[in-house]
């Protein structure tokens, strides 16, 4: 058993508006310094997010570690072809008999975002897989959640990790983050979310559509997830076929009128920014 670190301060970096602003505030000394940042790459962000991440890294003096468990996009493609389990993303469903809409359970956050970050933290502390973290170890995990989304604050389930929310503590909202970036002569970061994320607002879908390559891929994935027939078995042993969609209207994404005004109940607020923990 080698030497172990007893304390670590880490920024969970999603490369969206809030966590990027937080990263630079740390660099500017407005928020206590971290030992490093961790970006969990699911393999499905828009290219502009990856480009922004490289730009951001060039402005930071502390290391930024990129981690990845698997490629979520490829896993979804494989699942649609029956090669790999079921879907882990919260896609929309519609029963073709009752037309009742539903939502698949979201597992992608935990599997593709949270677990890789925790594994990297354990590695930085000096632990191998299966090793127990010794008593009095403390990790401060700094999260880019802003004051206007404080409902997303969570207590970490691991006793040795304490989630910290400096933007909430300072009552800094998302709009304040954008203003801070402007005042300090930084571009506004792109929103961090998978290209095919079903939580996109119509505005977000329109932005993705501006990139023909990414939009064509989204349309392809939307069709592929319906190629896999998903059956639900009830107590009477009957089978009901659910069709699966990326858009909440339960229509093929290329047939949805994206000019429609977004639902005021807050489609955007369901996800806002991944910020390393994808809404958690």
Foldseek 3Di string as FASTA:
>chain_A
DDAFDQEFEEEQFLQALQSLLVQVCCQVVVDPHGQEYEHQCLQFWPVLSVVSVVVSCVNHPHYYHYWWDYNLLVQLLCVLVVNHDHHQAFWWKAFPVPRDIDTDHHPCLVPRFVVRVVVVVCVNRPDDPPDDDDPSRAYEYEFRDALVLCVLDDADPDPRYGYDYVRNVVNNDSVNSCVSCVVVVHHRTHARDGLLHLLDWLVSVVVLVVPVVSNVSNLVSQVSNQSRWDWDQDPVRDTITMGTGSYPVPDRPVPDPSVDDTDPVPSCSCFVHPRSRRSD
